[in-house]
């Protein structure tokens, strides 16, 4: 049975939750998307470990939330700096990094500003800046949260995330999901969402030198379909894989997504 840890690391005047699973000598850190603003990884090591079963012999996988107290104006770049401080505190000196959506934005700045930390980089369903598709989606979610309309927030984000096949099968459970996912406060969500709206790493992307895998769907209604090509053009040591018929939920819907990540990390 693989080791599963629910942990917390002090950082400045606050702390950061993480979970880890596996006991291998190699490391993979995983940074999730904007949903982290609604619910952290706290206490979820057992649930979150499921997609990583094939990693657990050779890798120790860490999944991090953003820090618990985020100041107004907190930027994606500052999130990256804080993440590296936490990695240092945990003794993680070199690691593969998987960033999903907003986590991919943070991961870009980790590779840009702290190249010594990143062995290999996987950027999944993410973008190099807040393009109009990103801004329209995130701005509408902020407005829904401000209106305390959690059902619309969850429904609209799902509609923009998943394929038609998935939506047709699962749309009826969205109200139930909304009932169980509403946070006590939207403050963390607002901090994360506002950071996305101000994100633009395009001028710095050529500084990324580590091997990079870009994964996306060809029907992404959250970050758009031009994002993977924009990333690959600026990151010289990169390769791209596009899933046909999938969108922003590719990391959940594609059955071989985590196999592809593992193969890349093992190369």
C-alpha atoms as a PDB file:
ATOM      1  CA  UNK A   1       0.000   0.000   0.000  1.00  0.00           C
ATOM      2  CA  UNK A   2       1.426   3.387  -1.015  1.00  0.00           C
ATOM      3  CA  UNK A   3       2.002   6.064   1.561  1.00  0.00           C
ATOM      4  CA  UNK A   4      -0.569   8.895   1.558  1.00  0.00           C
ATOM      5  CA  UNK A   5       0.029  12.144   3.424  1.00  0.00           C
ATOM      6  CA  UNK A   6      -2.207  15.126   4.183  1.00  0.00           C
ATOM      7  CA  UNK A   7       0.230  17.916   4.968  1.00  0.00           C
ATOM      8  CA  UNK A   8       0.619  21.629   5.616  1.00  0.00           C
ATOM      9  CA  UNK A   9       3.660  23.907   5.299  1.00  0.00           C
ATOM     10  CA  UNK A  10       4.115  27.295   6.964  1.00  0.00           C
ATOM     11  CA  UNK A  11       4.865  30.142   4.561  1.00  0.00           C
ATOM     12  CA  UNK A  12       5.240  33.663   5.899  1.00  0.00           C
ATOM     13  CA  UNK A  13       2.159  34.661   7.888  1.00  0.00           C
ATOM     14  CA  UNK A  14       0.063  31.780   6.541  1.00  0.00           C
ATOM     15  CA  UNK A  15       0.364  28.177   5.392  1.00  0.00           C
ATOM     16  CA  UNK A  16      -0.245  25.941   2.376  1.00  0.00           C
ATOM     17  CA  UNK A  17      -2.024  22.591   2.250  1.00  0.00           C
ATOM     18  CA  UNK A  18      -0.701  19.703   0.220  1.00  0.00           C
ATOM     19  CA  UNK A  19      -1.263  16.000  -0.228  1.00  0.00           C
ATOM     20  CA  UNK A  20       1.317  13.442  -1.257  1.00  0.00           C
ATOM     21  CA  UNK A  21       1.205   9.823  -2.313  1.00  0.00           C
ATOM     22  CA  UNK A  22       3.755   7.237  -3.318  1.00  0.00           C
ATOM     23  CA  UNK A  23       7.244   6.672  -1.988  1.00  0.00           C
ATOM     24  CA  UNK A  24       9.436   6.662  -5.078  1.00  0.00           C
ATOM     25  CA  UNK A  25      12.740   8.549  -5.292  1.00  0.00           C
ATOM     26  CA  UNK A  26      11.562  10.813  -8.142  1.00  0.00           C
ATOM     27  CA  UNK A  27       9.176  13.703  -7.578  1.00  0.00           C
ATOM     28  CA  UNK A  28       6.150  15.015  -9.451  1.00  0.00           C
ATOM     29  CA  UNK A  29       4.377  18.118  -8.228  1.00  0.00           C
ATOM     30  CA  UNK A  30       0.862  18.868  -9.423  1.00  0.00           C
ATOM     31  CA  UNK A  31      -0.732  22.317  -9.400  1.00  0.00           C
ATOM     32  CA  UNK A  32      -4.511  22.345  -9.955  1.00  0.00           C
ATOM     33  CA  UNK A  33      -6.677  24.973 -11.613  1.00  0.00           C
ATOM     34  CA  UNK A  34      -9.109  27.637 -10.475  1.00  0.00           C
ATOM     35  CA  UNK A  35     -11.299  25.142  -8.627  1.00  0.00           C
ATOM     36  CA  UNK A  36      -8.651  25.315  -5.898  1.00  0.00           C
ATOM     37  CA  UNK A  37     -10.209  28.673  -5.090  1.00  0.00           C
ATOM     38  CA  UNK A  38     -13.419  26.862  -4.104  1.00  0.00           C
ATOM     39  CA  UNK A  39     -11.947  23.904  -2.220  1.00  0.00           C
ATOM     40  CA  UNK A  40      -8.379  23.078  -1.208  1.00  0.00           C
ATOM     41  CA  UNK A  41      -6.722  19.653  -1.258  1.00  0.00           C
ATOM     42  CA  UNK A  42      -6.868  19.447   2.538  1.00  0.00           C
ATOM     43  CA  UNK A  43      -7.609  15.902   3.740  1.00  0.00           C
ATOM     44  CA  UNK A  44      -8.114  14.519   0.220  1.00  0.00           C
ATOM     45  CA  UNK A  45      -4.956  12.452  -0.295  1.00  0.00           C
ATOM     46  CA  UNK A  46      -6.844   9.181  -0.709  1.00  0.00           C
ATOM     47  CA  UNK A  47      -9.306  10.565  -3.278  1.00  0.00           C
ATOM     48  CA  UNK A  48      -6.773  12.579  -5.263  1.00  0.00           C
ATOM     49  CA  UNK A  49      -4.273   9.720  -5.527  1.00  0.00           C
ATOM     50  CA  UNK A  50      -6.528   7.619  -7.797  1.00  0.00           C
ATOM     51  CA  UNK A  51      -5.258   8.848 -11.219  1.00  0.00           C
ATOM     52  CA  UNK A  52      -1.618   8.421 -10.147  1.00  0.00           C
ATOM     53  CA  UNK A  53      -1.579   4.685  -9.369  1.00  0.00           C
ATOM     54  CA  UNK A  54       1.092   3.967 -11.977  1.00  0.00           C
ATOM     55  CA  UNK A  55       3.361   6.664 -10.531  1.00  0.00           C
ATOM     56  CA  UNK A  56       3.462   5.439  -6.967  1.00  0.00           C
ATOM     57  CA  UNK A  57       6.326   2.948  -7.209  1.00  0.00           C
ATOM     58  CA  UNK A  58       8.886   5.274  -8.775  1.00  0.00           C
ATOM     59  CA  UNK A  59       7.543   8.689  -7.785  1.00  0.00           C
ATOM     60  CA  UNK A  60       6.367  10.640  -4.793  1.00  0.00           C
ATOM     61  CA  UNK A  61       3.543  12.825  -6.086  1.00  0.00           C
ATOM     62  CA  UNK A  62       2.739  16.120  -4.333  1.00  0.00           C
ATOM     63  CA  UNK A  63      -0.398  18.133  -5.084  1.00  0.00           C
ATOM     64  CA  UNK A  64      -0.542  21.660  -3.689  1.00  0.00           C
ATOM     65  CA  UNK A  65      -3.222  24.226  -3.027  1.00  0.00           C
ATOM     66  CA  UNK A  66      -2.428  27.937  -3.121  1.00  0.00           C
ATOM     67  CA  UNK A  67      -1.499  29.368   0.250  1.00  0.00           C
ATOM     68  CA  UNK A  68      -4.428  29.909   2.582  1.00  0.00           C
ATOM     69  CA  UNK A  69      -4.137  33.663   3.065  1.00  0.00           C
ATOM     70  CA  UNK A  70      -3.733  35.453  -0.255  1.00  0.00           C
ATOM     71  CA  UNK A  71      -3.343  39.246  -0.276  1.00  0.00           C
ATOM     72  CA  UNK A  72      -5.234  41.534  -2.618  1.00  0.00           C
ATOM     73  CA  UNK A  73      -3.364  41.845  -5.913  1.00  0.00           C
ATOM     74  CA  UNK A  74      -1.631  38.485  -5.463  1.00  0.00           C
ATOM     75  CA  UNK A  75      -0.172  37.568  -8.864  1.00  0.00           C
ATOM     76  CA  UNK A  76       0.503  34.330 -10.700  1.00  0.00           C
ATOM     77  CA  UNK A  77       4.216  35.107 -10.545  1.00  0.00           C
ATOM     78  CA  UNK A  78       4.040  35.548  -6.766  1.00  0.00           C
ATOM     79  CA  UNK A  79       2.183  32.235  -6.533  1.00  0.00           C
ATOM     80  CA  UNK A  80       5.099  30.615  -8.372  1.00  0.00           C
ATOM     81  CA  UNK A  81       7.644  32.169  -6.013  1.00  0.00           C
ATOM     82  CA  UNK A  82       5.679  30.999  -2.971  1.00  0.00           C
ATOM     83  CA  UNK A  83       5.378  27.516  -4.420  1.00  0.00           C
ATOM     84  CA  UNK A  84       9.144  27.266  -4.752  1.00  0.00           C
ATOM     85  CA  UNK A  85       9.562  28.419  -1.135  1.00  0.00           C
ATOM     86  CA  UNK A  86       7.308  25.555  -0.056  1.00  0.00           C
ATOM     87  CA  UNK A  87       9.196  23.052  -2.222  1.00  0.00           C
ATOM     88  CA  UNK A  88      12.423  24.202  -0.568  1.00  0.00           C
ATOM     89  CA  UNK A  89      10.870  23.773   2.871  1.00  0.00           C
ATOM     90  CA  UNK A  90       9.931  20.198   1.930  1.00  0.00           C
ATOM     91  CA  UNK A  91      13.420  19.466   0.606  1.00  0.00           C
ATOM     92  CA  UNK A  92      12.286  19.108  -3.015  1.00  0.00           C
ATOM     93  CA  UNK A  93      15.207  20.310  -5.112  1.00  0.00           C
ATOM     94  CA  UNK A  94      14.405  18.965  -8.579  1.00  0.00           C
ATOM     95  CA  UNK A  95      11.039  17.775  -9.824  1.00  0.00           C
ATOM     96  CA  UNK A  96       8.736  17.151 -12.723  1.00  0.00           C
ATOM     97  CA  UNK A  97       5.937  19.716 -12.704  1.00  0.00           C
ATOM     98  CA  UNK A  98       2.382  19.147 -13.960  1.00  0.00           C
ATOM     99  CA  UNK A  99       0.336  22.344 -14.104  1.00  0.00           C
ATOM    100  CA  UNK A 100      -3.333  22.175 -15.049  1.00  0.00           C
ATOM    101  CA  UNK A 101      -5.166  25.302 -16.262  1.00  0.00           C
ATOM    102  CA  UNK A 102      -4.317  28.053 -13.743  1.00  0.00           C
ATOM    103  CA  UNK A 103      -1.778  25.626 -12.284  1.00  0.00           C
ATOM    104  CA  UNK A 104      -0.157  25.622 -15.715  1.00  0.00           C
ATOM    105  CA  UNK A 105       0.143  29.397 -15.576  1.00  0.00           C
ATOM    106  CA  UNK A 106       1.886  29.156 -12.208  1.00  0.00           C
ATOM    107  CA  UNK A 107       4.100  26.369 -13.561  1.00  0.00           C
ATOM    108  CA  UNK A 108       5.245  28.564 -16.442  1.00  0.00           C
ATOM    109  CA  UNK A 109       6.635  31.103 -13.989  1.00  0.00           C
ATOM    110  CA  UNK A 110       8.248  28.400 -11.869  1.00  0.00           C
ATOM    111  CA  UNK A 111      10.155  27.257 -14.970  1.00  0.00           C
ATOM    112  CA  UNK A 112      10.934  30.850 -15.996  1.00  0.00           C
ATOM    113  CA  UNK A 113      12.137  32.201 -12.638  1.00  0.00           C
ATOM    114  CA  UNK A 114      13.370  29.011 -10.965  1.00  0.00           C
ATOM    115  CA  UNK A 115      14.733  26.766 -13.747  1.00  0.00           C
ATOM    116  CA  UNK A 116      16.939  24.878 -11.294  1.00  0.00           C
ATOM    117  CA  UNK A 117      13.810  23.373  -9.698  1.00  0.00           C
ATOM    118  CA  UNK A 118      12.175  21.964 -12.838  1.00  0.00           C
ATOM    119  CA  UNK A 119      13.348  18.734 -14.436  1.00  0.00           C
ATOM    120  CA  UNK A 120      10.440  18.406 -16.869  1.00  0.00           C
ATOM    121  CA  UNK A 121       7.355  20.534 -17.367  1.00  0.00           C
ATOM    122  CA  UNK A 122       3.861  19.439 -18.387  1.00  0.00           C
ATOM    123  CA  UNK A 123       1.449  22.249 -19.266  1.00  0.00           C
ATOM    124  CA  UNK A 124      -2.105  20.937 -19.516  1.00  0.00           C
ATOM    125  CA  UNK A 125      -5.101  22.882 -20.863  1.00  0.00           C
ATOM    126  CA  UNK A 126      -3.471  26.222 -20.099  1.00  0.00           C
ATOM    127  CA  UNK A 127      -2.515  29.446 -21.850  1.00  0.00           C
ATOM    128  CA  UNK A 128       0.439  31.868 -21.891  1.00  0.00           C
ATOM    129  CA  UNK A 129      -1.767  34.873 -21.083  1.00  0.00           C
ATOM    130  CA  UNK A 130      -5.326  35.862 -20.283  1.00  0.00           C
ATOM    131  CA  UNK A 131      -6.720  35.978 -23.808  1.00  0.00           C
ATOM    132  CA  UNK A 132     -10.267  37.141 -24.554  1.00  0.00           C
ATOM    133  CA  UNK A 133     -11.727  33.640 -24.101  1.00  0.00           C
ATOM    134  CA  UNK A 134     -10.063  33.327 -20.702  1.00  0.00           C
ATOM    135  CA  UNK A 135     -11.154  36.817 -19.656  1.00  0.00           C
ATOM    136  CA  UNK A 136     -14.757  36.298 -20.731  1.00  0.00           C
ATOM    137  CA  UNK A 137     -15.033  32.965 -18.904  1.00  0.00           C
ATOM    138  CA  UNK A 138     -13.326  34.056 -15.684  1.00  0.00           C
ATOM    139  CA  UNK A 139     -15.062  37.445 -15.556  1.00  0.00           C
ATOM    140  CA  UNK A 140     -18.453  35.771 -15.876  1.00  0.00           C
ATOM    141  CA  UNK A 141     -17.596  33.342 -13.059  1.00  0.00           C
ATOM    142  CA  UNK A 142     -16.516  36.215 -10.833  1.00  0.00           C
ATOM    143  CA  UNK A 143     -19.869  37.906 -11.441  1.00  0.00           C
ATOM    144  CA  UNK A 144     -21.773  34.710 -10.639  1.00  0.00           C
ATOM    145  CA  UNK A 145     -19.827  34.335  -7.399  1.00  0.00           C
ATOM    146  CA  UNK A 146     -20.485  37.965  -6.491  1.00  0.00           C
ATOM    147  CA  UNK A 147     -24.201  37.283  -6.999  1.00  0.00           C
ATOM    148  CA  UNK A 148     -23.904  34.175  -4.802  1.00  0.00           C
ATOM    149  CA  UNK A 149     -25.189  32.100  -7.723  1.00  0.00           C
ATOM    150  CA  UNK A 150     -23.198  28.942  -7.133  1.00  0.00           C
ATOM    151  CA  UNK A 151     -25.390  26.746  -9.312  1.00  0.00           C
ATOM    152  CA  UNK A 152     -24.772  28.963 -12.341  1.00  0.00           C
ATOM    153  CA  UNK A 153     -21.045  29.091 -11.523  1.00  0.00           C
ATOM    154  CA  UNK A 154     -20.745  25.312 -11.410  1.00  0.00           C
ATOM    155  CA  UNK A 155     -23.006  24.736 -14.409  1.00  0.00           C
ATOM    156  CA  UNK A 156     -21.309  27.298 -16.649  1.00  0.00           C
ATOM    157  CA  UNK A 157     -17.807  26.125 -15.747  1.00  0.00           C
ATOM    158  CA  UNK A 158     -18.812  22.536 -16.533  1.00  0.00           C
ATOM    159  CA  UNK A 159     -20.396  23.564 -19.843  1.00  0.00           C
ATOM    160  CA  UNK A 160     -17.134  25.291 -20.793  1.00  0.00           C
ATOM    161  CA  UNK A 161     -15.004  22.382 -19.585  1.00  0.00           C
ATOM    162  CA  UNK A 162     -16.407  19.086 -20.814  1.00  0.00           C
ATOM    163  CA  UNK A 163     -17.214  17.430 -24.126  1.00  0.00           C
ATOM    164  CA  UNK A 164     -20.810  17.145 -25.362  1.00  0.00           C
ATOM    165  CA  UNK A 165     -20.757  13.403 -24.692  1.00  0.00           C
ATOM    166  CA  UNK A 166     -19.740  13.946 -21.065  1.00  0.00           C
ATOM    167  CA  UNK A 167     -22.235  16.755 -20.587  1.00  0.00           C
ATOM    168  CA  UNK A 168     -25.126  14.755 -22.008  1.00  0.00           C
ATOM    169  CA  UNK A 169     -24.339  11.964 -19.570  1.00  0.00           C
ATOM    170  CA  UNK A 170     -23.719  14.052 -16.443  1.00  0.00           C
ATOM    171  CA  UNK A 171     -25.604  17.345 -16.800  1.00  0.00           C
ATOM    172  CA  UNK A 172     -28.377  16.213 -14.462  1.00  0.00           C
ATOM    173  CA  UNK A 173     -25.985  15.905 -11.512  1.00  0.00           C
ATOM    174  CA  UNK A 174     -24.706  19.506 -11.705  1.00  0.00           C
ATOM    175  CA  UNK A 175     -27.304  20.839  -9.213  1.00  0.00           C
ATOM    176  CA  UNK A 176     -26.256  18.153  -6.724  1.00  0.00           C
ATOM    177  CA  UNK A 177     -22.582  18.989  -7.227  1.00  0.00           C
ATOM    178  CA  UNK A 178     -23.339  22.663  -6.658  1.00  0.00           C
ATOM    179  CA  UNK A 179     -25.112  21.841  -3.410  1.00  0.00           C
ATOM    180  CA  UNK A 180     -22.002  20.131  -1.993  1.00  0.00           C
ATOM    181  CA  UNK A 181     -19.274  22.412  -3.388  1.00  0.00           C
ATOM    182  CA  UNK A 182     -20.379  25.879  -2.293  1.00  0.00           C
ATOM    183  CA  UNK A 183     -17.626  27.449  -0.159  1.00  0.00           C
ATOM    184  CA  UNK A 184     -18.173  29.346   3.063  1.00  0.00           C
ATOM    185  CA  UNK A 185     -16.552  32.362   1.398  1.00  0.00           C
ATOM    186  CA  UNK A 186     -15.578  33.182  -2.190  1.00  0.00           C
ATOM    187  CA  UNK A 187     -12.529  35.227  -1.129  1.00  0.00           C
ATOM    188  CA  UNK A 188     -10.002  32.576  -2.249  1.00  0.00           C
ATOM    189  CA  UNK A 189     -11.855  32.172  -5.516  1.00  0.00           C
ATOM    190  CA  UNK A 190     -11.762  35.918  -6.181  1.00  0.00           C
ATOM    191  CA  UNK A 191      -8.022  36.122  -5.426  1.00  0.00           C
ATOM    192  CA  UNK A 192      -7.251  33.233  -7.790  1.00  0.00           C
ATOM    193  CA  UNK A 193      -9.580  34.480 -10.526  1.00  0.00           C
ATOM    194  CA  UNK A 194      -8.266  38.050 -10.432  1.00  0.00           C
ATOM    195  CA  UNK A 195      -4.715  36.735 -10.732  1.00  0.00           C
ATOM    196  CA  UNK A 196      -5.683  34.931 -13.933  1.00  0.00           C
ATOM    197  CA  UNK A 197      -7.154  38.100 -15.446  1.00  0.00           C
ATOM    198  CA  UNK A 198      -3.803  39.885 -14.972  1.00  0.00           C
ATOM    199  CA  UNK A 199      -1.603  37.017 -16.192  1.00  0.00           C
ATOM    200  CA  UNK A 200       0.714  37.414 -19.203  1.00  0.00           C
ATOM    201  CA  UNK A 201       3.936  35.381 -19.461  1.00  0.00           C
ATOM    202  CA  UNK A 202       4.437  35.703 -23.230  1.00  0.00           C
ATOM    203  CA  UNK A 203       7.590  37.831 -23.122  1.00  0.00           C
ATOM    204  CA  UNK A 204       9.279  35.425 -20.702  1.00  0.00           C
ATOM    205  CA  UNK A 205       8.315  32.081 -22.237  1.00  0.00           C
ATOM    206  CA  UNK A 206      11.537  31.768 -24.317  1.00  0.00           C
ATOM    207  CA  UNK A 207      13.404  31.522 -20.981  1.00  0.00           C
ATOM    208  CA  UNK A 208      11.881  28.072 -20.400  1.00  0.00           C
ATOM    209  CA  UNK A 209      14.627  25.610 -21.332  1.00  0.00           C
ATOM    210  CA  UNK A 210      13.541  22.319 -19.719  1.00  0.00           C
ATOM    211  CA  UNK A 211      11.794  19.608 -21.772  1.00  0.00           C
ATOM    212  CA  UNK A 212       8.140  20.621 -21.947  1.00  0.00           C
ATOM    213  CA  UNK A 213       5.024  18.700 -22.932  1.00  0.00           C
ATOM    214  CA  UNK A 214       1.940  20.724 -23.848  1.00  0.00           C
ATOM    215  CA  UNK A 215      -1.365  18.821 -23.655  1.00  0.00           C
ATOM    216  CA  UNK A 216      -4.702  20.230 -24.779  1.00  0.00           C
ATOM    217  CA  UNK A 217      -8.024  19.410 -26.364  1.00  0.00           C
ATOM    218  CA  UNK A 218      -9.075  20.813 -29.722  1.00  0.00           C
ATOM    219  CA  UNK A 219     -12.359  22.196 -28.364  1.00  0.00           C
ATOM    220  CA  UNK A 220     -11.359  24.216 -25.287  1.00  0.00           C
ATOM    221  CA  UNK A 221     -13.962  26.825 -24.398  1.00  0.00           C
ATOM    222  CA  UNK A 222     -12.068  28.031 -21.318  1.00  0.00           C
ATOM    223  CA  UNK A 223      -8.602  28.960 -22.652  1.00  0.00           C
ATOM    224  CA  UNK A 224      -9.258  28.677 -26.393  1.00  0.00           C
ATOM    225  CA  UNK A 225      -7.766  26.508 -29.109  1.00  0.00           C
ATOM    226  CA  UNK A 226      -4.858  28.797 -30.035  1.00  0.00           C
ATOM    227  CA  UNK A 227      -3.223  28.538 -26.594  1.00  0.00           C
ATOM    228  CA  UNK A 228      -1.184  25.329 -27.134  1.00  0.00           C
ATOM    229  CA  UNK A 229       0.294  26.630 -30.377  1.00  0.00           C
ATOM    230  CA  UNK A 230       1.153  29.950 -28.728  1.00  0.00           C
ATOM    231  CA  UNK A 231       2.967  28.073 -25.969  1.00  0.00           C
ATOM    232  CA  UNK A 232       4.832  25.742 -28.317  1.00  0.00           C
ATOM    233  CA  UNK A 233       6.054  28.568 -30.559  1.00  0.00           C
ATOM    234  CA  UNK A 234       7.725  30.294 -27.616  1.00  0.00           C
ATOM    235  CA  UNK A 235       9.072  27.259 -25.725  1.00  0.00           C
ATOM    236  CA  UNK A 236      11.829  25.842 -27.895  1.00  0.00           C
ATOM    237  CA  UNK A 237      12.268  22.475 -26.179  1.00  0.00           C
ATOM    238  CA  UNK A 238       8.596  21.508 -26.335  1.00  0.00           C
ATOM    239  CA  UNK A 239       6.258  18.976 -27.884  1.00  0.00           C
ATOM    240  CA  UNK A 240       2.469  19.111 -28.126  1.00  0.00           C
ATOM    241  CA  UNK A 241      -0.299  16.550 -27.969  1.00  0.00           C
ATOM    242  CA  UNK A 242      -3.876  17.526 -28.848  1.00  0.00           C
ATOM    243  CA  UNK A 243      -6.873  15.338 -27.994  1.00  0.00           C
ATOM    244  CA  UNK A 244      -9.549  15.397 -30.664  1.00  0.00           C
ATOM    245  CA  UNK A 245     -13.070  16.140 -29.496  1.00  0.00           C
ATOM    246  CA  UNK A 246     -12.065  17.092 -25.957  1.00  0.00           C
ATOM    247  CA  UNK A 247     -11.771  20.443 -24.258  1.00  0.00           C
ATOM    248  CA  UNK A 248     -10.695  21.907 -20.944  1.00  0.00           C
ATOM    249  CA  UNK A 249     -11.618  18.699 -19.118  1.00  0.00           C
ATOM    250  CA  UNK A 250      -9.113  16.649 -21.116  1.00  0.00           C
ATOM    251  CA  UNK A 251      -7.214  15.691 -17.949  1.00  0.00           C
ATOM    252  CA  UNK A 252     -10.386  14.047 -16.635  1.00  0.00           C
ATOM    253  CA  UNK A 253     -11.878  12.669 -19.851  1.00  0.00           C
ATOM    254  CA  UNK A 254      -8.860  11.298 -21.729  1.00  0.00           C
ATOM    255  CA  UNK A 255      -8.236   7.768 -20.460  1.00  0.00           C
ATOM    256  CA  UNK A 256      -4.523   7.873 -21.333  1.00  0.00           C
ATOM    257  CA  UNK A 257      -3.798  11.393 -20.030  1.00  0.00           C
ATOM    258  CA  UNK A 258      -1.831  10.242 -16.971  1.00  0.00           C
ATOM    259  CA  UNK A 259      -0.091   7.481 -18.934  1.00  0.00           C
ATOM    260  CA  UNK A 260       1.114  10.179 -21.299  1.00  0.00           C
ATOM    261  CA  UNK A 261       2.365  12.309 -18.401  1.00  0.00           C
ATOM    262  CA  UNK A 262       4.177   9.329 -16.866  1.00  0.00           C
ATOM    263  CA  UNK A 263       5.812   8.363 -20.181  1.00  0.00           C
ATOM    264  CA  UNK A 264       7.098  11.923 -20.590  1.00  0.00           C
ATOM    265  CA  UNK A 265       8.448  12.094 -17.043  1.00  0.00           C
ATOM    266  CA  UNK A 266      10.213   8.750 -17.519  1.00  0.00           C
ATOM    267  CA  UNK A 267      11.960   9.722 -20.764  1.00  0.00           C
END
